Amino acid sequence: MATRIYTKTGDDGTTGLFGGIRVRKDDLRIETYGTVDELNATIGVVRTCVMPDAIAEQLASISSVLFTLGADLATPLNPPPSFEIPRITMEHIQELESLIDRFDEQLEPLKAFILPGGTQAAAHLHVARTICRRAERCAVALAAHEDVGIYVVKYLNRLSDYLFTAARAVNAEAGVGDVPWRART
């Protein structure tokens, strides 16, 4: 008999964290890694769009790292798990910084706030950026109450910067310029 996707264990409004602890489905930890999951799904949508191969490959790698981030968030540090779990590291952050720096070398310097949009891929990258910022806010709130990995918030902060810069790079590659924000009176 095939394994079923449903277990019915969450029918009471709870879910299990790695390590067996059960919490309510509206727990801030669940909200945080659920938002990371939403971000990852949005990156999946971005990856269906036309864009430079290098950025598509970067997004595939980031998607995998977001699973690591989800596992990190789903595994409380206290009590320490009895098994090894992948965690976000400084190397993940440095990789994003390297990608951002490469984009910045090729892009015109920003002189104003820009409006989201341009190509379909860039528009979806901007949506991903805003979801990433929400995940970051959730992680900050969670870290105020519970221990989380020391690089979780930093990674999300840097990832939102990457997504913004990647959106600009996708547009530039397609010959679509940034649209500066102008205050309307």
Foldseek 3Di string as FASTA:
>chain_A
DDDDPDDCPCVVQWDAFPQGDIDGCPPLLNVLLVLLVVLLVLLVVLLVDDFDPVVNVVSVVVSVVSVLLSNQSSAAPVVPHPDDGRHDDVVLLVVLVVLLVVLVVVDDDDPAAFDQDADPSLNSLLVSLVSLVVSLVSVVVVVVPGPGDPCSNVNSVSVSSSSNSRSCVRRVVVVHHTHHDDDDD
